[in-house]
Structures are given as C-alpha cells and as structure tokens.
Amino acid sequence: MPVQVTELFFPRQARAPWLRLRGAVIAGLVFLLGCRIAWYGWTQQARPRMHAPPYHPPASLLALGAAAIITLIALAYVLRGFGKVSAQDDRKIAPAWLTGFSAFVLGAAWFDLIGQNFLPRPVEPFWIALLAALAWALLAFVLFVRWTSRAAWDDAHRFAAAFGATLACMVMPYLTVATWPKVDVIGKVIFDLLALAGFLVLARKLRSRTSRVVADRAA
C-alpha cells in the first residue's frame, strides 16, 4: 500500500526504479534494524501488556523466518511482471467502492489473524490460524490480480483499494486500545488523523488530474 499511494502521488515516477544498488543496500540495513525494533517492541513489550508472556523464538524459527523473507523477496523479483494491466483485457471490473470495501474486509480479518500471536488464549491448535492466514492471503491475491490485470483498473480503483486496506489497519487496533498506555492511544489518533488528511489531499489531486484528462480529451 505505501508503494501504491506513493505512485498515485507521483505518477511520473511510477515506472522508474526507486533505488539503485546503494539505496537497496541501505534499505536492507534499515529493514534489519526495523526487524530488531519490531521484535523487541512486540515480543518483549506489547505481549506483557496484553497479559501474555514475553516470547523468545528458538534459533530454528529465526532461521526459517529469514528464509521466508529471502524467498518472498526473490518471488517479488521473479513475478514482477505478473498481473500487469493488459490493454486487450476488456472485461468489466467491480466499481471502485467495492474494491475499497473488499480491501477493508480482507485487511480487517488479517489483523485479527495476526493478533492471535499476542493473545493469552489464541486459537488452538495454532495450525488452524496459520492455514486460515494462508487461505486468506491467497484469496486476496487471486481477487486483486484478477481486478488489477484488466484495462478498466484505473487510479480510482487504486485509491479505493489503498484507502480501504489502510483504513482497516487504522480501525481494527481500536478494538484493543483499552489495554494500551494513554500516550500510545494519543499517538495513534494523531497519526490516523494525519493519514486521513493525506488521503484527502490525494483524493483532490486525483480528481484534479482526472478533470484535466477529460478536458484534454474533449479538446
């Protein structure tokens, strides 16, 4: 979603590579640092606040996680041309509001699945949650590949999907804010309002851009 939103803000740079080799290396190092911060923040700080014990994964699971990350990066590179818009695909597509609603529903359920990691009494046996997560991810992938590969998929659909998915990430955590420190709640509200303001600005830019395109075509 961050990539999609950024490319909607700056459409002229959408097809250009974002990073050269040096930038990719720096981004990789920052990613590793972020992994460390996320590990400590969630497993050592957040879990005790949710009445769950701190979690220390064994080395085998850490290695498996690293392998999964590398595999996903490789797949993203191999499949980078998969699902691109086909000018010959003239099939109809769902309206933009439906793509946004679908992204919201898919994202909201995903938040609940991820939350199983931090519940004192998660779904048992836990493989049920893992299989549900895989199935849910596959459903989202298939649905949006079908939509985004059609010529009718435009900026309105991209905006709606990005907004719906982001809104799910914003709304769902409020189900658990009763257990949060006050400063965390205040911070979340502030960042959520900033995100909404950013989407409003983006909506105005897209509307203005669409109006110019229609005017140019009419001329």
C-alpha atoms as a PDB file:
ATOM      1  CA  MET A   1       0.000   0.000   0.000  1.00  0.00           C
ATOM      2  CA  PRO A   2       2.763   2.556   0.684  1.00  0.00           C
ATOM      3  CA  VAL A   3       4.152   1.922  -2.799  1.00  0.00           C
ATOM      4  CA  GLN A   4       0.729   2.298  -4.389  1.00  0.00           C
ATOM      5  CA  VAL A   5      -0.051   5.521  -2.534  1.00  0.00           C
ATOM      6  CA  THR A   6       3.367   6.995  -3.371  1.00  0.00           C
ATOM      7  CA  GLU A   7       2.941   6.201  -7.071  1.00  0.00           C
ATOM      8  CA  LEU A   8      -0.508   7.811  -7.036  1.00  0.00           C
ATOM      9  CA  PHE A   9       1.046  10.965  -5.594  1.00  0.00           C
ATOM     10  CA  PHE A  10       3.905  10.914  -8.130  1.00  0.00           C
ATOM     11  CA  PRO A  11       2.613   9.162 -11.290  1.00  0.00           C
ATOM     12  CA  ARG A  12       5.502  10.322 -13.479  1.00  0.00           C
ATOM     13  CA  GLN A  13       7.977   8.368 -11.347  1.00  0.00           C
ATOM     14  CA  ALA A  14       5.752   5.285 -11.052  1.00  0.00           C
ATOM     15  CA  ARG A  15       7.584   3.328 -13.764  1.00  0.00           C
ATOM     16  CA  ALA A  16      11.097   4.338 -12.765  1.00  0.00           C
ATOM     17  CA  PRO A  17      13.219   2.296 -10.319  1.00  0.00           C
ATOM     18  CA  TRP A  18      13.117   3.788  -6.848  1.00  0.00           C
ATOM     19  CA  LEU A  19      16.509   2.527  -5.712  1.00  0.00           C
ATOM     20  CA  ARG A  20      19.939   1.961  -7.167  1.00  0.00           C
ATOM     21  CA  LEU A  21      22.310  -0.602  -5.661  1.00  0.00           C
ATOM     22  CA  ARG A  22      23.475   1.704  -2.875  1.00  0.00           C
ATOM     23  CA  GLY A  23      19.899   2.595  -1.996  1.00  0.00           C
ATOM     24  CA  ALA A  24      18.916  -1.081  -1.942  1.00  0.00           C
ATOM     25  CA  VAL A  25      21.777  -1.870   0.435  1.00  0.00           C
ATOM     26  CA  ILE A  26      20.829   0.998   2.761  1.00  0.00           C
ATOM     27  CA  ALA A  27      17.171  -0.030   2.657  1.00  0.00           C
ATOM     28  CA  GLY A  28      18.180  -3.590   3.529  1.00  0.00           C
ATOM     29  CA  LEU A  29      20.168  -2.435   6.553  1.00  0.00           C
ATOM     30  CA  VAL A  30      17.299  -0.241   7.728  1.00  0.00           C
ATOM     31  CA  PHE A  31      14.961  -3.215   7.263  1.00  0.00           C
ATOM     32  CA  LEU A  32      17.157  -5.357   9.523  1.00  0.00           C
ATOM     33  CA  LEU A  33      17.186  -2.605  12.135  1.00  0.00           C
ATOM     34  CA  GLY A  34      13.406  -2.364  11.881  1.00  0.00           C
ATOM     35  CA  CYS A  35      13.126  -6.119  12.379  1.00  0.00           C
ATOM     36  CA  ARG A  36      15.079  -5.818  15.610  1.00  0.00           C
ATOM     37  CA  ILE A  37      12.913  -2.946  16.853  1.00  0.00           C
ATOM     38  CA  ALA A  38       9.710  -4.773  15.891  1.00  0.00           C
ATOM     39  CA  TRP A  39      10.872  -7.957  17.641  1.00  0.00           C
ATOM     40  CA  TYR A  40      11.631  -6.159  20.876  1.00  0.00           C
ATOM     41  CA  GLY A  41       8.556  -3.945  20.761  1.00  0.00           C
ATOM     42  CA  TRP A  42       6.080  -6.770  20.154  1.00  0.00           C
ATOM     43  CA  THR A  43       7.532  -9.828  21.848  1.00  0.00           C
ATOM     44  CA  GLN A  44       9.095  -8.138  24.879  1.00  0.00           C
ATOM     45  CA  GLN A  45       6.906  -5.067  25.441  1.00  0.00           C
ATOM     46  CA  ALA A  46       3.497  -5.476  23.811  1.00  0.00           C
ATOM     47  CA  ARG A  47       2.821  -9.074  24.844  1.00  0.00           C
ATOM     48  CA  PRO A  48       3.188  -8.449  28.615  1.00  0.00           C
ATOM     49  CA  ARG A  49       0.787  -5.506  28.274  1.00  0.00           C
ATOM     50  CA  MET A  50      -1.686  -7.910  26.698  1.00  0.00           C
ATOM     51  CA  HIS A  51      -1.264 -10.319  29.618  1.00  0.00           C
ATOM     52  CA  ALA A  52       0.835 -12.730  27.546  1.00  0.00           C
ATOM     53  CA  PRO A  53       4.389 -13.793  28.478  1.00  0.00           C
ATOM     54  CA  PRO A  54       7.384 -12.462  26.513  1.00  0.00           C
ATOM     55  CA  TYR A  55       8.331 -14.678  23.594  1.00  0.00           C
ATOM     56  CA  HIS A  56      11.830 -15.872  22.719  1.00  0.00           C
ATOM     57  CA  PRO A  57      11.753 -17.822  19.433  1.00  0.00           C
ATOM     58  CA  PRO A  58      14.250 -20.655  19.009  1.00  0.00           C
ATOM     59  CA  ALA A  59      17.095 -20.322  16.521  1.00  0.00           C
ATOM     60  CA  SER A  60      15.402 -22.749  14.128  1.00  0.00           C
ATOM     61  CA  LEU A  61      12.361 -20.494  13.825  1.00  0.00           C
ATOM     62  CA  LEU A  62      14.537 -17.428  13.333  1.00  0.00           C
ATOM     63  CA  ALA A  63      16.341 -19.208  10.501  1.00  0.00           C
ATOM     64  CA  LEU A  64      13.007 -20.247   9.000  1.00  0.00           C
ATOM     65  CA  GLY A  65      11.771 -16.656   9.198  1.00  0.00           C
ATOM     66  CA  ALA A  66      14.904 -15.356   7.479  1.00  0.00           C
ATOM     67  CA  ALA A  67      14.481 -17.986   4.746  1.00  0.00           C
ATOM     68  CA  ALA A  68      10.864 -16.933   4.270  1.00  0.00           C
ATOM     69  CA  ILE A  69      11.881 -13.272   3.917  1.00  0.00           C
ATOM     70  CA  ILE A  70      14.531 -14.106   1.321  1.00  0.00           C
ATOM     71  CA  THR A  71      12.066 -16.310  -0.561  1.00  0.00           C
ATOM     72  CA  LEU A  72       9.443 -13.573  -0.675  1.00  0.00           C
ATOM     73  CA  ILE A  73      11.980 -11.044  -1.952  1.00  0.00           C
ATOM     74  CA  ALA A  74      13.049 -13.490  -4.670  1.00  0.00           C
ATOM     75  CA  LEU A  75       9.439 -14.191  -5.631  1.00  0.00           C
ATOM     76  CA  ALA A  76       8.693 -10.474  -5.847  1.00  0.00           C
ATOM     77  CA  TYR A  77      11.593 -10.120  -8.275  1.00  0.00           C
ATOM     78  CA  VAL A  78      10.679 -13.168 -10.361  1.00  0.00           C
ATOM     79  CA  LEU A  79       6.996 -12.251 -10.549  1.00  0.00           C
ATOM     80  CA  ARG A  80       7.491  -8.509 -11.024  1.00  0.00           C
ATOM     81  CA  GLY A  81       5.760  -8.584 -14.416  1.00  0.00           C
ATOM     82  CA  PHE A  82       2.899 -10.802 -13.285  1.00  0.00           C
ATOM     83  CA  GLY A  83      -0.594  -9.323 -13.174  1.00  0.00           C
ATOM     84  CA  LYS A  84       0.182  -6.112 -15.065  1.00  0.00           C
ATOM     85  CA  VAL A  85      -2.639  -4.370 -16.863  1.00  0.00           C
ATOM     86  CA  SER A  86      -3.425  -5.876 -20.249  1.00  0.00           C
ATOM     87  CA  ALA A  87      -4.799  -3.445 -22.827  1.00  0.00           C
ATOM     88  CA  GLN A  88      -6.513  -6.346 -24.575  1.00  0.00           C
ATOM     89  CA  ASP A  89      -8.421  -7.396 -21.451  1.00  0.00           C
ATOM     90  CA  ASP A  90     -11.693  -5.514 -21.862  1.00  0.00           C
ATOM     91  CA  ARG A  91     -13.647  -7.452 -19.237  1.00  0.00           C
ATOM     92  CA  LYS A  92     -15.751  -5.448 -16.814  1.00  0.00           C
ATOM     93  CA  ILE A  93     -14.473  -4.714 -13.369  1.00  0.00           C
ATOM     94  CA  ALA A  94     -16.040  -4.090  -9.987  1.00  0.00           C
ATOM     95  CA  PRO A  95     -16.765  -0.447  -9.127  1.00  0.00           C
ATOM     96  CA  ALA A  96     -14.092   1.397  -7.196  1.00  0.00           C
ATOM     97  CA  TRP A  97     -16.104   1.479  -3.957  1.00  0.00           C
ATOM     98  CA  LEU A  98     -16.377  -2.326  -3.995  1.00  0.00           C
ATOM     99  CA  THR A  99     -12.629  -2.777  -4.419  1.00  0.00           C
ATOM    100  CA  GLY A 100     -12.105  -0.454  -1.464  1.00  0.00           C
ATOM    101  CA  PHE A 101     -14.660  -2.303   0.660  1.00  0.00           C
ATOM    102  CA  SER A 102     -13.091  -5.641  -0.272  1.00  0.00           C
ATOM    103  CA  ALA A 103      -9.652  -4.368   0.722  1.00  0.00           C
ATOM    104  CA  PHE A 104     -11.082  -3.197   4.039  1.00  0.00           C
ATOM    105  CA  VAL A 105     -12.716  -6.556   4.818  1.00  0.00           C
ATOM    106  CA  LEU A 106      -9.640  -8.528   3.804  1.00  0.00           C
ATOM    107  CA  GLY A 107      -7.373  -6.261   5.845  1.00  0.00           C
ATOM    108  CA  ALA A 108      -9.613  -6.281   8.918  1.00  0.00           C
ATOM    109  CA  ALA A 109      -9.716 -10.070   9.051  1.00  0.00           C
ATOM    110  CA  TRP A 110      -5.952 -10.200   8.525  1.00  0.00           C
ATOM    111  CA  PHE A 111      -5.455  -8.003  11.590  1.00  0.00           C
ATOM    112  CA  ASP A 112      -7.444 -10.483  13.678  1.00  0.00           C
ATOM    113  CA  LEU A 113      -5.330 -13.375  12.413  1.00  0.00           C
ATOM    114  CA  ILE A 114      -2.106 -11.556  13.219  1.00  0.00           C
ATOM    115  CA  GLY A 115      -3.496 -10.728  16.658  1.00  0.00           C
ATOM    116  CA  GLN A 116      -3.514 -14.414  17.552  1.00  0.00           C
ATOM    117  CA  ASN A 117       0.214 -14.073  18.223  1.00  0.00           C
ATOM    118  CA  PHE A 118      -0.441 -11.774  21.158  1.00  0.00           C
ATOM    119  CA  LEU A 119      -3.500 -13.315  22.798  1.00  0.00           C
ATOM    120  CA  PRO A 120      -3.165 -15.223  26.084  1.00  0.00           C
ATOM    121  CA  ARG A 121      -5.511 -17.848  24.651  1.00  0.00           C
ATOM    122  CA  PRO A 122      -5.114 -17.975  20.870  1.00  0.00           C
ATOM    123  CA  VAL A 123      -6.885 -20.368  18.553  1.00  0.00           C
ATOM    124  CA  GLU A 124      -5.936 -23.951  19.332  1.00  0.00           C
ATOM    125  CA  PRO A 125      -4.441 -25.867  17.642  1.00  0.00           C
ATOM    126  CA  PHE A 126      -2.494 -22.954  16.215  1.00  0.00           C
ATOM    127  CA  TRP A 127      -2.077 -24.533  12.780  1.00  0.00           C
ATOM    128  CA  ILE A 128      -5.724 -23.617  12.167  1.00  0.00           C
ATOM    129  CA  ALA A 129      -4.818 -19.921  12.363  1.00  0.00           C
ATOM    130  CA  LEU A 130      -1.785 -20.476  10.109  1.00  0.00           C
ATOM    131  CA  LEU A 131      -3.848 -22.272   7.452  1.00  0.00           C
ATOM    132  CA  ALA A 132      -6.554 -19.617   7.691  1.00  0.00           C
ATOM    133  CA  ALA A 133      -3.939 -16.904   7.155  1.00  0.00           C
ATOM    134  CA  LEU A 134      -2.546 -18.681   4.080  1.00  0.00           C
ATOM    135  CA  ALA A 135      -6.014 -19.180   2.631  1.00  0.00           C
ATOM    136  CA  TRP A 136      -6.972 -15.559   3.317  1.00  0.00           C
ATOM    137  CA  ALA A 137      -3.778 -14.274   1.689  1.00  0.00           C
ATOM    138  CA  LEU A 138      -4.390 -16.482  -1.359  1.00  0.00           C
ATOM    139  CA  LEU A 139      -7.954 -15.190  -1.640  1.00  0.00           C
ATOM    140  CA  ALA A 140      -6.770 -11.566  -1.553  1.00  0.00           C
ATOM    141  CA  PHE A 141      -4.023 -12.294  -4.088  1.00  0.00           C
ATOM    142  CA  VAL A 142      -6.292 -14.035  -6.595  1.00  0.00           C
ATOM    143  CA  LEU A 143      -9.067 -11.452  -6.272  1.00  0.00           C
ATOM    144  CA  PHE A 144      -6.872  -8.416  -6.788  1.00  0.00           C
ATOM    145  CA  VAL A 145      -4.759  -9.974  -9.533  1.00  0.00           C
ATOM    146  CA  ARG A 146      -7.979 -10.580 -11.469  1.00  0.00           C
ATOM    147  CA  TRP A 147      -9.029  -6.966 -10.977  1.00  0.00           C
ATOM    148  CA  THR A 148      -5.713  -5.200 -11.447  1.00  0.00           C
ATOM    149  CA  SER A 149      -4.833  -7.026 -14.672  1.00  0.00           C
ATOM    150  CA  ARG A 150      -7.838  -5.577 -16.501  1.00  0.00           C
ATOM    151  CA  ALA A 151      -7.679  -2.425 -18.594  1.00  0.00           C
ATOM    152  CA  ALA A 152     -10.576  -0.896 -16.640  1.00  0.00           C
ATOM    153  CA  TRP A 153      -8.463  -0.816 -13.448  1.00  0.00           C
ATOM    154  CA  ASP A 154      -7.654   2.859 -13.017  1.00  0.00           C
ATOM    155  CA  ASP A 155      -6.492   5.382 -10.427  1.00  0.00           C
ATOM    156  CA  ALA A 156      -9.910   5.471  -8.759  1.00  0.00           C
ATOM    157  CA  HIS A 157      -9.673   1.725  -8.084  1.00  0.00           C
ATOM    158  CA  ARG A 158      -6.069   2.047  -6.899  1.00  0.00           C
ATOM    159  CA  PHE A 159      -7.024   4.815  -4.500  1.00  0.00           C
ATOM    160  CA  ALA A 160     -10.056   2.929  -3.176  1.00  0.00           C
ATOM    161  CA  ALA A 161      -8.075  -0.266  -2.600  1.00  0.00           C
ATOM    162  CA  ALA A 162      -5.229   1.565  -0.865  1.00  0.00           C
ATOM    163  CA  PHE A 163      -7.608   3.562   1.303  1.00  0.00           C
ATOM    164  CA  GLY A 164      -9.692   0.512   2.241  1.00  0.00           C
ATOM    165  CA  ALA A 165      -6.678  -1.538   3.262  1.00  0.00           C
ATOM    166  CA  THR A 166      -5.145   1.346   5.215  1.00  0.00           C
ATOM    167  CA  LEU A 167      -8.447   2.110   6.934  1.00  0.00           C
ATOM    168  CA  ALA A 168      -8.640  -1.494   8.140  1.00  0.00           C
ATOM    169  CA  CYS A 169      -5.170  -1.175   9.691  1.00  0.00           C
ATOM    170  CA  MET A 170      -6.267   2.074  11.326  1.00  0.00           C
ATOM    171  CA  VAL A 171      -9.645   0.956  12.671  1.00  0.00           C
ATOM    172  CA  MET A 172      -9.075  -2.584  13.916  1.00  0.00           C
ATOM    173  CA  PRO A 173      -6.496  -1.742  16.627  1.00  0.00           C
ATOM    174  CA  TYR A 174      -9.123   0.368  18.380  1.00  0.00           C
ATOM    175  CA  LEU A 175     -10.714  -2.900  19.484  1.00  0.00           C
ATOM    176  CA  THR A 176      -7.792  -3.360  21.875  1.00  0.00           C
ATOM    177  CA  VAL A 177      -6.945   0.212  22.929  1.00  0.00           C
ATOM    178  CA  ALA A 178      -8.426  -0.362  26.374  1.00  0.00           C
ATOM    179  CA  THR A 179      -5.190  -2.165  27.292  1.00  0.00           C
ATOM    180  CA  TRP A 180      -2.876   0.474  25.789  1.00  0.00           C
ATOM    181  CA  PRO A 181      -0.986   3.209  27.666  1.00  0.00           C
ATOM    182  CA  LYS A 182      -2.599   6.603  27.214  1.00  0.00           C
ATOM    183  CA  VAL A 183       0.355   8.006  25.282  1.00  0.00           C
ATOM    184  CA  ASP A 184       0.059   5.175  22.732  1.00  0.00           C
ATOM    185  CA  VAL A 185      -3.635   5.902  22.172  1.00  0.00           C
ATOM    186  CA  ILE A 186      -2.954   9.615  21.711  1.00  0.00           C
ATOM    187  CA  GLY A 187      -0.137   8.890  19.287  1.00  0.00           C
ATOM    188  CA  LYS A 188      -2.301   6.527  17.263  1.00  0.00           C
ATOM    189  CA  VAL A 189      -5.133   9.036  16.994  1.00  0.00           C
ATOM    190  CA  ILE A 190      -2.730  11.736  15.807  1.00  0.00           C
ATOM    191  CA  PHE A 191      -1.119   9.526  13.167  1.00  0.00           C
ATOM    192  CA  ASP A 192      -4.511   8.249  11.990  1.00  0.00           C
ATOM    193  CA  LEU A 193      -5.768  11.806  11.527  1.00  0.00           C
ATOM    194  CA  LEU A 194      -2.613  12.677   9.582  1.00  0.00           C
ATOM    195  CA  ALA A 195      -3.148   9.624   7.369  1.00  0.00           C
ATOM    196  CA  LEU A 196      -6.755  10.609   6.697  1.00  0.00           C
ATOM    197  CA  ALA A 197      -5.647  14.131   5.834  1.00  0.00           C
ATOM    198  CA  GLY A 198      -3.080  12.689   3.435  1.00  0.00           C
ATOM    199  CA  PHE A 199      -5.730  10.586   1.705  1.00  0.00           C
ATOM    200  CA  LEU A 200      -7.967  13.637   1.366  1.00  0.00           C
ATOM    201  CA  VAL A 201      -5.117  15.520  -0.299  1.00  0.00           C
ATOM    202  CA  LEU A 202      -4.509  12.561  -2.609  1.00  0.00           C
ATOM    203  CA  ALA A 203      -8.216  12.356  -3.487  1.00  0.00           C
ATOM    204  CA  ARG A 204      -8.182  16.025  -4.507  1.00  0.00           C
ATOM    205  CA  LYS A 205      -5.067  15.502  -6.625  1.00  0.00           C
ATOM    206  CA  LEU A 206      -6.636  12.528  -8.401  1.00  0.00           C
ATOM    207  CA  ARG A 207      -9.872  14.413  -9.003  1.00  0.00           C
ATOM    208  CA  SER A 208      -7.987  17.368 -10.453  1.00  0.00           C
ATOM    209  CA  ARG A 209      -5.840  15.061 -12.585  1.00  0.00           C
ATOM    210  CA  THR A 210      -8.905  13.239 -13.914  1.00  0.00           C
ATOM    211  CA  SER A 211     -10.621  16.523 -14.735  1.00  0.00           C
ATOM    212  CA  ARG A 212      -7.599  17.656 -16.765  1.00  0.00           C
ATOM    213  CA  VAL A 213      -7.509  14.383 -18.683  1.00  0.00           C
ATOM    214  CA  VAL A 214     -11.226  14.647 -19.512  1.00  0.00           C
ATOM    215  CA  ALA A 215     -10.784  18.265 -20.606  1.00  0.00           C
ATOM    216  CA  ASP A 216      -7.822  17.355 -22.827  1.00  0.00           C
ATOM    217  CA  ARG A 217      -9.784  14.558 -24.465  1.00  0.00           C
ATOM    218  CA  ALA A 218     -12.741  16.854 -25.065  1.00  0.00           C
ATOM    219  CA  ALA A 219     -10.461  19.444 -26.666  1.00  0.00           C
END
